[in-house]
Amino acid sequence: APDSRHVEWGARLLRKLPDDLRRGVREPEAARGIVLGLLVSRDEELRHRQVKKIAETADEGLARRVEEALPELRGLSPRLRLPLVDLAIPSLRRMSPAQYGAFRLAVDAVIESDRWLSLFEFALRKLLVRHLDSVFADRKRLSRRRPSTEEWVDSCRVLLSALAHVGHRDPDRVRTAFAQGIGHLDEGSAEMEPVSRDELSLSRLDEALDRLSGAGPEQKRRLLVGAAASVGWDGRVRVAEGELFRAFADALDCPVPPLLPDPVTEAESSRRGPTEDPA
C-alpha cells in the first residue's frame, strides 16, 4: 500500500518530466510516438531502420511523431521511462482497434530490429500487453492453473536470480541478494543457489511469470516481499532493478508502489546526470 513518501516521490517524478512529454502522453497520437520513441536506438543507422520500419508497419504520420519526440526523450532520465509509459496508458486505450493493431506491430518490429530484447524492452512490452491487449482483443482474463509447490519455488528462483544478476556483477553479491529474497519463500528454500547468468533468458522469465500468474495471493505476497528485499538489501535501487521488479509485479496482477531510492544515492545520481545505473 503506498504511503505519503510514495505520493511525494511520484510528484517529484512528474515535476521532472518535460512539459512537451507530459502534454503529449495525454493524446493518443502523440502517446504512440512517445512510447515507440522510448524503444528507438541511439545508434543513428539502426534508428533510421527502426523509424522506416514504423512507417511500413503503421504509417508515415506515426514515424514522424516518433522523430518529433526523440529530442526530448534523449535527455530523459532512465528512472522516468516506465512512469512515462504509465501516463500514456489511458491515452493508448483510446486508440481505434486498427490503430492498436498497427501500434503493436510497430512495437514488435522496433524491438526485433536489433535481434536483442533488453530488460527495459521486456518490461515495457509486458506493461503494454497486460494493460492494452485485453481492451482491444476483447478477451476475458484466463484463469490460470495453480502451480505445484515445486513449480512455484522453481519459478520464484528464476525471477529472484534475474533480479540479483541485474543488480550485481560480483558473484558474492549476487548470492547475497538472491539469499535475501529466496529466504522469504519457505524454510527449505534458504539453501538454494541462484540460477547462473548464462542459464537465464527472457523466454525463461516469461515462462516463470506465466506459471506464477496462477499462484495464490499469499504466495505472490511472499515472492514480492522477497523480491523487494533482494533489490533493497544494499540500500540502493538501480534503474534496471526497479523496472524489472515493477514488470514482475504488474504481470502477477499485484501492482506495487515504487521502491524508494536511498536519498544519498539519489542525490549522487542527480549530480551525475541522466545516465543508466550500472548493472
C-alpha atoms as a PDB file:
ATOM      1  CA  ALA A   1       0.000   0.000   0.000  1.00  0.00           C
ATOM      2  CA  PRO A   2       1.503   3.360  -0.989  1.00  0.00           C
ATOM      3  CA  ASP A   3       2.044   5.944   1.719  1.00  0.00           C
ATOM      4  CA  SER A   4       2.870   9.663   1.735  1.00  0.00           C
ATOM      5  CA  ARG A   5       6.503   9.004   0.779  1.00  0.00           C
ATOM      6  CA  HIS A   6       5.416   7.236  -2.398  1.00  0.00           C
ATOM      7  CA  VAL A   7       2.990  10.046  -3.254  1.00  0.00           C
ATOM      8  CA  GLU A   8       5.756  12.623  -2.824  1.00  0.00           C
ATOM      9  CA  TRP A   9       8.182  10.524  -4.867  1.00  0.00           C
ATOM     10  CA  GLY A  10       5.606  10.271  -7.657  1.00  0.00           C
ATOM     11  CA  ALA A  11       5.042  14.025  -7.561  1.00  0.00           C
ATOM     12  CA  ARG A  12       8.791  14.608  -7.815  1.00  0.00           C
ATOM     13  CA  LEU A  13       8.979  12.345 -10.860  1.00  0.00           C
ATOM     14  CA  LEU A  14       6.124  14.182 -12.560  1.00  0.00           C
ATOM     15  CA  ARG A  15       7.822  17.534 -11.962  1.00  0.00           C
ATOM     16  CA  LYS A  16      10.947  16.226 -13.709  1.00  0.00           C
ATOM     17  CA  LEU A  17       9.075  15.344 -16.904  1.00  0.00           C
ATOM     18  CA  PRO A  18       9.488  17.869 -19.759  1.00  0.00           C
ATOM     19  CA  ASP A  19       6.234  19.746 -20.445  1.00  0.00           C
ATOM     20  CA  ASP A  20       6.033  18.549 -24.072  1.00  0.00           C
ATOM     21  CA  LEU A  21       6.165  14.908 -22.988  1.00  0.00           C
ATOM     22  CA  ARG A  22       3.689  15.417 -20.147  1.00  0.00           C
ATOM     23  CA  ARG A  23       1.228  17.010 -22.560  1.00  0.00           C
ATOM     24  CA  GLY A  24       1.954  14.537 -25.350  1.00  0.00           C
ATOM     25  CA  VAL A  25       1.076  11.388 -23.402  1.00  0.00           C
ATOM     26  CA  ARG A  26      -2.441  12.744 -22.872  1.00  0.00           C
ATOM     27  CA  GLU A  27      -3.217  12.487 -26.608  1.00  0.00           C
ATOM     28  CA  PRO A  28      -3.351   9.083 -28.362  1.00  0.00           C
ATOM     29  CA  GLU A  29      -1.381  10.007 -31.483  1.00  0.00           C
ATOM     30  CA  ALA A  30       1.458  11.680 -29.592  1.00  0.00           C
ATOM     31  CA  ALA A  31       1.416   8.967 -26.896  1.00  0.00           C
ATOM     32  CA  ARG A  32       2.015   6.275 -29.540  1.00  0.00           C
ATOM     33  CA  GLY A  33       5.024   8.190 -30.856  1.00  0.00           C
ATOM     34  CA  ILE A  34       6.451   8.776 -27.381  1.00  0.00           C
ATOM     35  CA  VAL A  35       6.218   5.128 -26.334  1.00  0.00           C
ATOM     36  CA  LEU A  36       7.813   3.954 -29.583  1.00  0.00           C
ATOM     37  CA  GLY A  37      10.465   6.644 -29.185  1.00  0.00           C
ATOM     38  CA  LEU A  38      11.485   5.079 -25.873  1.00  0.00           C
ATOM     39  CA  LEU A  39      12.337   1.902 -27.781  1.00  0.00           C
ATOM     40  CA  VAL A  40      14.268   3.510 -30.636  1.00  0.00           C
ATOM     41  CA  SER A  41      18.037   3.071 -30.606  1.00  0.00           C
ATOM     42  CA  ARG A  42      20.571   5.845 -30.082  1.00  0.00           C
ATOM     43  CA  ASP A  43      22.645   4.380 -32.929  1.00  0.00           C
ATOM     44  CA  GLU A  44      21.916   6.540 -35.972  1.00  0.00           C
ATOM     45  CA  GLU A  45      21.946   3.751 -38.571  1.00  0.00           C
ATOM     46  CA  LEU A  46      19.756   1.429 -36.506  1.00  0.00           C
ATOM     47  CA  ARG A  47      17.426   4.287 -35.588  1.00  0.00           C
ATOM     48  CA  HIS A  48      16.920   5.116 -39.258  1.00  0.00           C
ATOM     49  CA  ARG A  49      15.971   1.479 -39.968  1.00  0.00           C
ATOM     50  CA  GLN A  50      13.614   1.393 -36.982  1.00  0.00           C
ATOM     51  CA  VAL A  51      11.786   4.586 -37.972  1.00  0.00           C
ATOM     52  CA  LYS A  52      11.470   3.253 -41.527  1.00  0.00           C
ATOM     53  CA  LYS A  53      10.010   0.030 -40.099  1.00  0.00           C
ATOM     54  CA  ILE A  54       7.458   2.039 -38.104  1.00  0.00           C
ATOM     55  CA  ALA A  55       6.363   3.809 -41.288  1.00  0.00           C
ATOM     56  CA  GLU A  56       5.981   0.456 -43.051  1.00  0.00           C
ATOM     57  CA  THR A  57       4.099  -1.378 -40.278  1.00  0.00           C
ATOM     58  CA  ALA A  58       1.953   1.585 -39.171  1.00  0.00           C
ATOM     59  CA  ASP A  59       2.079   4.812 -41.191  1.00  0.00           C
ATOM     60  CA  GLU A  60       4.271   7.787 -42.065  1.00  0.00           C
ATOM     61  CA  GLY A  61       2.452  10.004 -39.569  1.00  0.00           C
ATOM     62  CA  LEU A  62       3.401   7.779 -36.634  1.00  0.00           C
ATOM     63  CA  ALA A  63       7.014   7.674 -37.827  1.00  0.00           C
ATOM     64  CA  ARG A  64       7.040  11.493 -37.807  1.00  0.00           C
ATOM     65  CA  ARG A  65       5.573  11.508 -34.282  1.00  0.00           C
ATOM     66  CA  VAL A  66       8.438   9.301 -33.138  1.00  0.00           C
ATOM     67  CA  GLU A  67      11.038  11.604 -34.649  1.00  0.00           C
ATOM     68  CA  GLU A  68       9.356  14.642 -33.078  1.00  0.00           C
ATOM     69  CA  ALA A  69       9.528  13.038 -29.628  1.00  0.00           C
ATOM     70  CA  LEU A  70      13.172  11.936 -29.848  1.00  0.00           C
ATOM     71  CA  PRO A  71      14.881  15.247 -28.874  1.00  0.00           C
ATOM     72  CA  GLU A  72      13.007  15.363 -25.535  1.00  0.00           C
ATOM     73  CA  LEU A  73      13.370  11.623 -24.937  1.00  0.00           C
ATOM     74  CA  ARG A  74      17.148  11.711 -25.435  1.00  0.00           C
ATOM     75  CA  GLY A  75      17.607  13.758 -22.259  1.00  0.00           C
ATOM     76  CA  LEU A  76      15.082  11.794 -20.200  1.00  0.00           C
ATOM     77  CA  SER A  77      16.340  10.173 -17.005  1.00  0.00           C
ATOM     78  CA  PRO A  78      16.076   6.360 -17.163  1.00  0.00           C
ATOM     79  CA  ARG A  79      14.038   6.496 -13.941  1.00  0.00           C
ATOM     80  CA  LEU A  80      11.276   8.325 -15.816  1.00  0.00           C
ATOM     81  CA  ARG A  81      10.812   5.828 -18.659  1.00  0.00           C
ATOM     82  CA  LEU A  82       8.222   3.478 -17.160  1.00  0.00           C
ATOM     83  CA  PRO A  83       6.397   6.275 -15.288  1.00  0.00           C
ATOM     84  CA  LEU A  84       6.023   7.984 -18.676  1.00  0.00           C
ATOM     85  CA  VAL A  85       4.537   4.778 -20.120  1.00  0.00           C
ATOM     86  CA  ASP A  86       2.145   4.644 -17.143  1.00  0.00           C
ATOM     87  CA  LEU A  87       0.916   8.131 -18.007  1.00  0.00           C
ATOM     88  CA  ALA A  88       0.458   7.115 -21.645  1.00  0.00           C
ATOM     89  CA  ILE A  89      -1.692   4.027 -20.968  1.00  0.00           C
ATOM     90  CA  PRO A  90      -5.061   5.875 -20.599  1.00  0.00           C
ATOM     91  CA  SER A  91      -4.468   7.683 -23.907  1.00  0.00           C
ATOM     92  CA  LEU A  92      -3.383   4.488 -25.656  1.00  0.00           C
ATOM     93  CA  ARG A  93      -6.659   2.872 -24.600  1.00  0.00           C
ATOM     94  CA  ARG A  94      -8.444   5.489 -26.730  1.00  0.00           C
ATOM     95  CA  MET A  95      -6.868   4.227 -29.952  1.00  0.00           C
ATOM     96  CA  SER A  96      -9.076   2.536 -32.509  1.00  0.00           C
ATOM     97  CA  PRO A  97      -8.639  -1.250 -32.870  1.00  0.00           C
ATOM     98  CA  ALA A  98      -6.932  -0.692 -36.227  1.00  0.00           C
ATOM     99  CA  GLN A  99      -4.522   1.823 -34.682  1.00  0.00           C
ATOM    100  CA  TYR A 100      -3.721  -0.558 -31.864  1.00  0.00           C
ATOM    101  CA  GLY A 101      -3.032  -3.395 -34.281  1.00  0.00           C
ATOM    102  CA  ALA A 102      -0.590  -1.236 -36.222  1.00  0.00           C
ATOM    103  CA  PHE A 103       0.945   0.075 -32.980  1.00  0.00           C
ATOM    104  CA  ARG A 104       1.580  -3.466 -31.666  1.00  0.00           C
ATOM    105  CA  LEU A 105       3.180  -4.450 -34.962  1.00  0.00           C
ATOM    106  CA  ALA A 106       5.400  -1.360 -34.802  1.00  0.00           C
ATOM    107  CA  VAL A 107       6.427  -2.083 -31.188  1.00  0.00           C
ATOM    108  CA  ASP A 108       7.432  -5.643 -32.069  1.00  0.00           C
ATOM    109  CA  ALA A 109       9.221  -4.514 -35.237  1.00  0.00           C
ATOM    110  CA  VAL A 110      11.346  -1.995 -33.311  1.00  0.00           C
ATOM    111  CA  ILE A 111      12.161  -4.484 -30.531  1.00  0.00           C
ATOM    112  CA  GLU A 112      13.130  -7.192 -33.014  1.00  0.00           C
ATOM    113  CA  SER A 113      15.146  -4.917 -35.305  1.00  0.00           C
ATOM    114  CA  ASP A 114      18.428  -5.386 -33.397  1.00  0.00           C
ATOM    115  CA  ARG A 115      17.811  -9.115 -32.705  1.00  0.00           C
ATOM    116  CA  TRP A 116      18.162  -8.472 -28.964  1.00  0.00           C
ATOM    117  CA  LEU A 117      15.456  -7.999 -26.330  1.00  0.00           C
ATOM    118  CA  SER A 118      16.710  -5.841 -23.446  1.00  0.00           C
ATOM    119  CA  LEU A 119      15.265  -5.928 -19.947  1.00  0.00           C
ATOM    120  CA  PHE A 120      13.730  -2.497 -20.489  1.00  0.00           C
ATOM    121  CA  GLU A 121      12.061  -3.688 -23.696  1.00  0.00           C
ATOM    122  CA  PHE A 122      10.855  -6.779 -21.833  1.00  0.00           C
ATOM    123  CA  ALA A 123       9.371  -4.630 -19.033  1.00  0.00           C
ATOM    124  CA  LEU A 124       7.753  -2.122 -21.407  1.00  0.00           C
ATOM    125  CA  ARG A 125       6.214  -4.805 -23.613  1.00  0.00           C
ATOM    126  CA  LYS A 126       4.863  -6.633 -20.555  1.00  0.00           C
ATOM    127  CA  LEU A 127       3.124  -3.440 -19.412  1.00  0.00           C
ATOM    128  CA  LEU A 128       1.612  -2.757 -22.833  1.00  0.00           C
ATOM    129  CA  VAL A 129       0.371  -6.312 -23.335  1.00  0.00           C
ATOM    130  CA  ARG A 130      -1.155  -6.534 -19.871  1.00  0.00           C
ATOM    131  CA  HIS A 131      -2.926  -3.167 -19.968  1.00  0.00           C
ATOM    132  CA  LEU A 132      -3.955  -2.979 -23.634  1.00  0.00           C
ATOM    133  CA  ASP A 133      -4.400  -6.458 -25.098  1.00  0.00           C
ATOM    134  CA  SER A 134      -7.497  -7.227 -23.040  1.00  0.00           C
ATOM    135  CA  VAL A 135      -9.058  -3.897 -24.059  1.00  0.00           C
ATOM    136  CA  PHE A 136      -8.603  -4.303 -27.805  1.00  0.00           C
ATOM    137  CA  ALA A 137      -8.740  -8.090 -28.130  1.00  0.00           C
ATOM    138  CA  ASP A 138     -11.945  -8.220 -26.051  1.00  0.00           C
ATOM    139  CA  ARG A 139     -10.648 -11.247 -24.212  1.00  0.00           C
ATOM    140  CA  LYS A 140     -11.670 -12.298 -20.752  1.00  0.00           C
ATOM    141  CA  ARG A 141      -8.786 -12.837 -18.369  1.00  0.00           C
ATOM    142  CA  LEU A 142      -7.974 -16.540 -18.404  1.00  0.00           C
ATOM    143  CA  SER A 143      -7.947 -18.407 -15.122  1.00  0.00           C
ATOM    144  CA  ARG A 144      -4.516 -19.947 -14.588  1.00  0.00           C
ATOM    145  CA  ARG A 145      -3.719 -23.337 -13.136  1.00  0.00           C
ATOM    146  CA  ARG A 146      -2.278 -23.076  -9.669  1.00  0.00           C
ATOM    147  CA  PRO A 147       1.385 -24.139  -9.806  1.00  0.00           C
ATOM    148  CA  SER A 148       2.593 -27.068  -7.770  1.00  0.00           C
ATOM    149  CA  THR A 149       4.899 -26.290  -4.843  1.00  0.00           C
ATOM    150  CA  GLU A 150       7.882 -27.406  -6.906  1.00  0.00           C
ATOM    151  CA  GLU A 151       6.845 -25.237  -9.876  1.00  0.00           C
ATOM    152  CA  TRP A 152       6.243 -22.250  -7.610  1.00  0.00           C
ATOM    153  CA  VAL A 153       9.626 -22.465  -5.894  1.00  0.00           C
ATOM    154  CA  ASP A 154      11.472 -23.056  -9.179  1.00  0.00           C
ATOM    155  CA  SER A 155       9.739 -20.096 -10.872  1.00  0.00           C
ATOM    156  CA  CYS A 156      10.471 -17.831  -7.890  1.00  0.00           C
ATOM    157  CA  ARG A 157      14.104 -18.936  -8.061  1.00  0.00           C
ATOM    158  CA  VAL A 158      14.251 -17.834 -11.709  1.00  0.00           C
ATOM    159  CA  LEU A 159      12.766 -14.375 -11.029  1.00  0.00           C
ATOM    160  CA  LEU A 160      14.854 -13.717  -7.915  1.00  0.00           C
ATOM    161  CA  SER A 161      18.007 -14.853  -9.742  1.00  0.00           C
ATOM    162  CA  ALA A 162      17.261 -12.385 -12.546  1.00  0.00           C
ATOM    163  CA  LEU A 163      16.884  -9.523 -10.062  1.00  0.00           C
ATOM    164  CA  ALA A 164      20.135 -10.462  -8.339  1.00  0.00           C
ATOM    165  CA  HIS A 165      22.086 -10.595 -11.617  1.00  0.00           C
ATOM    166  CA  VAL A 166      20.575  -7.320 -12.855  1.00  0.00           C
ATOM    167  CA  GLY A 167      21.700  -5.529  -9.694  1.00  0.00           C
ATOM    168  CA  HIS A 168      25.173  -7.041  -9.308  1.00  0.00           C
ATOM    169  CA  ARG A 169      28.115  -8.442 -11.239  1.00  0.00           C
ATOM    170  CA  ASP A 170      30.185  -9.760  -8.335  1.00  0.00           C
ATOM    171  CA  PRO A 171      29.212 -13.425  -7.685  1.00  0.00           C
ATOM    172  CA  ASP A 172      29.240 -12.999  -3.896  1.00  0.00           C
ATOM    173  CA  ARG A 173      26.906 -10.007  -4.069  1.00  0.00           C
ATOM    174  CA  VAL A 174      24.626 -11.901  -6.482  1.00  0.00           C
ATOM    175  CA  ARG A 175      24.387 -14.762  -3.969  1.00  0.00           C
ATOM    176  CA  THR A 176      23.734 -12.343  -1.099  1.00  0.00           C
ATOM    177  CA  ALA A 177      20.974 -10.525  -2.997  1.00  0.00           C
ATOM    178  CA  PHE A 178      19.417 -13.834  -4.009  1.00  0.00           C
ATOM    179  CA  ALA A 179      19.559 -15.207  -0.451  1.00  0.00           C
ATOM    180  CA  GLN A 180      17.823 -12.081   0.866  1.00  0.00           C
ATOM    181  CA  GLY A 181      14.889 -12.838  -1.413  1.00  0.00           C
ATOM    182  CA  ILE A 182      14.636 -16.633  -1.520  1.00  0.00           C
ATOM    183  CA  GLY A 183      14.540 -16.860   2.273  1.00  0.00           C
ATOM    184  CA  HIS A 184      11.047 -15.337   2.251  1.00  0.00           C
ATOM    185  CA  LEU A 185       9.538 -18.336   0.431  1.00  0.00           C
ATOM    186  CA  ASP A 186       9.837 -21.147   2.952  1.00  0.00           C
ATOM    187  CA  GLU A 187      12.424 -22.738   5.217  1.00  0.00           C
ATOM    188  CA  GLY A 188      13.535 -25.243   2.603  1.00  0.00           C
ATOM    189  CA  SER A 189      14.348 -22.515   0.066  1.00  0.00           C
ATOM    190  CA  ALA A 190      17.011 -20.781   2.141  1.00  0.00           C
ATOM    191  CA  GLU A 191      19.755 -23.183   0.981  1.00  0.00           C
ATOM    192  CA  MET A 192      19.071 -22.653  -2.740  1.00  0.00           C
ATOM    193  CA  GLU A 193      21.645 -21.206  -5.115  1.00  0.00           C
ATOM    194  CA  PRO A 194      20.752 -18.638  -7.805  1.00  0.00           C
ATOM    195  CA  VAL A 195      20.367 -19.647 -11.433  1.00  0.00           C
ATOM    196  CA  SER A 196      23.565 -18.714 -13.276  1.00  0.00           C
ATOM    197  CA  ARG A 197      23.573 -15.722 -15.608  1.00  0.00           C
ATOM    198  CA  ASP A 198      24.227 -17.983 -18.615  1.00  0.00           C
ATOM    199  CA  GLU A 199      21.171 -20.119 -17.831  1.00  0.00           C
ATOM    200  CA  LEU A 200      18.772 -17.164 -17.654  1.00  0.00           C
ATOM    201  CA  SER A 201      16.874 -15.931 -20.686  1.00  0.00           C
ATOM    202  CA  LEU A 202      13.938 -13.632 -21.277  1.00  0.00           C
ATOM    203  CA  SER A 203      11.860 -16.576 -22.520  1.00  0.00           C
ATOM    204  CA  ARG A 204      12.606 -18.372 -19.248  1.00  0.00           C
ATOM    205  CA  LEU A 205      11.421 -15.301 -17.322  1.00  0.00           C
ATOM    206  CA  ASP A 206       8.249 -15.277 -19.407  1.00  0.00           C
ATOM    207  CA  GLU A 207       7.591 -18.946 -18.648  1.00  0.00           C
ATOM    208  CA  ALA A 208       8.153 -18.399 -14.932  1.00  0.00           C
ATOM    209  CA  LEU A 209       5.744 -15.450 -14.876  1.00  0.00           C
ATOM    210  CA  ASP A 210       3.110 -17.478 -16.730  1.00  0.00           C
ATOM    211  CA  ARG A 211       3.311 -20.225 -14.127  1.00  0.00           C
ATOM    212  CA  LEU A 212       3.278 -17.782 -11.220  1.00  0.00           C
ATOM    213  CA  SER A 213       0.220 -15.927 -12.526  1.00  0.00           C
ATOM    214  CA  GLY A 214      -1.867 -18.802 -11.150  1.00  0.00           C
ATOM    215  CA  ALA A 215      -0.291 -18.688  -7.691  1.00  0.00           C
ATOM    216  CA  GLY A 216      -2.366 -17.796  -4.640  1.00  0.00           C
ATOM    217  CA  PRO A 217      -2.365 -14.314  -3.031  1.00  0.00           C
ATOM    218  CA  GLU A 218      -0.142 -15.376  -0.127  1.00  0.00           C
ATOM    219  CA  GLN A 219       2.397 -16.955  -2.488  1.00  0.00           C
ATOM    220  CA  LYS A 220       2.522 -13.798  -4.606  1.00  0.00           C
ATOM    221  CA  ARG A 221       2.892 -11.676  -1.469  1.00  0.00           C
ATOM    222  CA  ARG A 222       5.855 -13.703  -0.236  1.00  0.00           C
ATOM    223  CA  LEU A 223       7.508 -13.561  -3.651  1.00  0.00           C
ATOM    224  CA  LEU A 224       7.166  -9.786  -3.951  1.00  0.00           C
ATOM    225  CA  VAL A 225       8.305  -9.195  -0.368  1.00  0.00           C
ATOM    226  CA  GLY A 226      11.321 -11.362  -1.158  1.00  0.00           C
ATOM    227  CA  ALA A 227      11.941  -9.524  -4.435  1.00  0.00           C
ATOM    228  CA  ALA A 228      11.853  -6.151  -2.670  1.00  0.00           C
ATOM    229  CA  ALA A 229      14.260  -7.478  -0.009  1.00  0.00           C
ATOM    230  CA  SER A 230      16.609  -8.725  -2.726  1.00  0.00           C
ATOM    231  CA  VAL A 231      16.617  -5.382  -4.535  1.00  0.00           C
ATOM    232  CA  GLY A 232      16.937  -3.254  -1.415  1.00  0.00           C
ATOM    233  CA  TRP A 233      19.415  -5.169   0.737  1.00  0.00           C
ATOM    234  CA  ASP A 234      22.334  -2.882  -0.218  1.00  0.00           C
ATOM    235  CA  GLY A 235      20.345   0.341   0.276  1.00  0.00           C
ATOM    236  CA  ARG A 236      20.326   1.168  -3.435  1.00  0.00           C
ATOM    237  CA  VAL A 237      17.596   0.773  -6.052  1.00  0.00           C
ATOM    238  CA  ARG A 238      19.136   0.671  -9.526  1.00  0.00           C
ATOM    239  CA  VAL A 239      17.014   1.637 -12.507  1.00  0.00           C
ATOM    240  CA  ALA A 240      17.141  -1.827 -14.096  1.00  0.00           C
ATOM    241  CA  GLU A 241      16.216  -3.476 -10.772  1.00  0.00           C
ATOM    242  CA  GLY A 242      13.262  -1.166 -10.246  1.00  0.00           C
ATOM    243  CA  GLU A 243      11.965  -1.638 -13.796  1.00  0.00           C
ATOM    244  CA  LEU A 244      12.230  -5.426 -13.633  1.00  0.00           C
ATOM    245  CA  PHE A 245      10.604  -5.574 -10.180  1.00  0.00           C
ATOM    246  CA  ARG A 246       7.762  -3.403 -11.472  1.00  0.00           C
ATOM    247  CA  ALA A 247       7.289  -5.622 -14.551  1.00  0.00           C
ATOM    248  CA  PHE A 248       7.199  -8.771 -12.421  1.00  0.00           C
ATOM    249  CA  ALA A 249       4.635  -7.335 -10.002  1.00  0.00           C
ATOM    250  CA  ASP A 250       2.429  -5.949 -12.760  1.00  0.00           C
ATOM    251  CA  ALA A 251       2.476  -9.254 -14.666  1.00  0.00           C
ATOM    252  CA  LEU A 252       1.293 -11.001 -11.485  1.00  0.00           C
ATOM    253  CA  ASP A 253      -1.666  -8.597 -11.119  1.00  0.00           C
ATOM    254  CA  CYS A 254      -0.064  -7.137  -7.989  1.00  0.00           C
ATOM    255  CA  PRO A 255       0.805  -3.500  -8.849  1.00  0.00           C
ATOM    256  CA  VAL A 256       3.194  -2.061  -6.301  1.00  0.00           C
ATOM    257  CA  PRO A 257       4.343   1.424  -5.329  1.00  0.00           C
ATOM    258  CA  PRO A 258       7.882   2.312  -6.426  1.00  0.00           C
ATOM    259  CA  LEU A 259      10.863   1.015  -4.481  1.00  0.00           C
ATOM    260  CA  LEU A 260      12.138   4.260  -2.992  1.00  0.00           C
ATOM    261  CA  PRO A 261      15.816   5.007  -3.638  1.00  0.00           C
ATOM    262  CA  ASP A 262      18.265   5.816  -0.892  1.00  0.00           C
ATOM    263  CA  PRO A 263      18.314   9.659  -0.510  1.00  0.00           C
ATOM    264  CA  VAL A 264      22.133   9.843  -0.670  1.00  0.00           C
ATOM    265  CA  THR A 265      22.291   7.629  -3.759  1.00  0.00           C
ATOM    266  CA  GLU A 266      19.538   9.648  -5.423  1.00  0.00           C
ATOM    267  CA  ALA A 267      21.393  12.916  -4.758  1.00  0.00           C
ATOM    268  CA  GLU A 268      24.605  11.464  -6.215  1.00  0.00           C
ATOM    269  CA  SER A 269      22.695  10.179  -9.238  1.00  0.00           C
ATOM    270  CA  SER A 270      21.210  13.638  -9.841  1.00  0.00           C
ATOM    271  CA  ARG A 271      24.681  15.188  -9.847  1.00  0.00           C
ATOM    272  CA  ARG A 272      25.946  12.600 -12.345  1.00  0.00           C
ATOM    273  CA  GLY A 273      23.076  13.310 -14.718  1.00  0.00           C
ATOM    274  CA  PRO A 274      20.544  11.088 -16.511  1.00  0.00           C
ATOM    275  CA  THR A 275      22.752   8.053 -17.085  1.00  0.00           C
ATOM    276  CA  GLU A 276      21.768   4.416 -16.748  1.00  0.00           C
ATOM    277  CA  ASP A 277      22.755   2.808 -13.440  1.00  0.00           C
ATOM    278  CA  PRO A 278      25.455   0.148 -13.824  1.00  0.00           C
ATOM    279  CA  ALA A 279      24.097  -3.388 -13.695  1.00  0.00           C
END
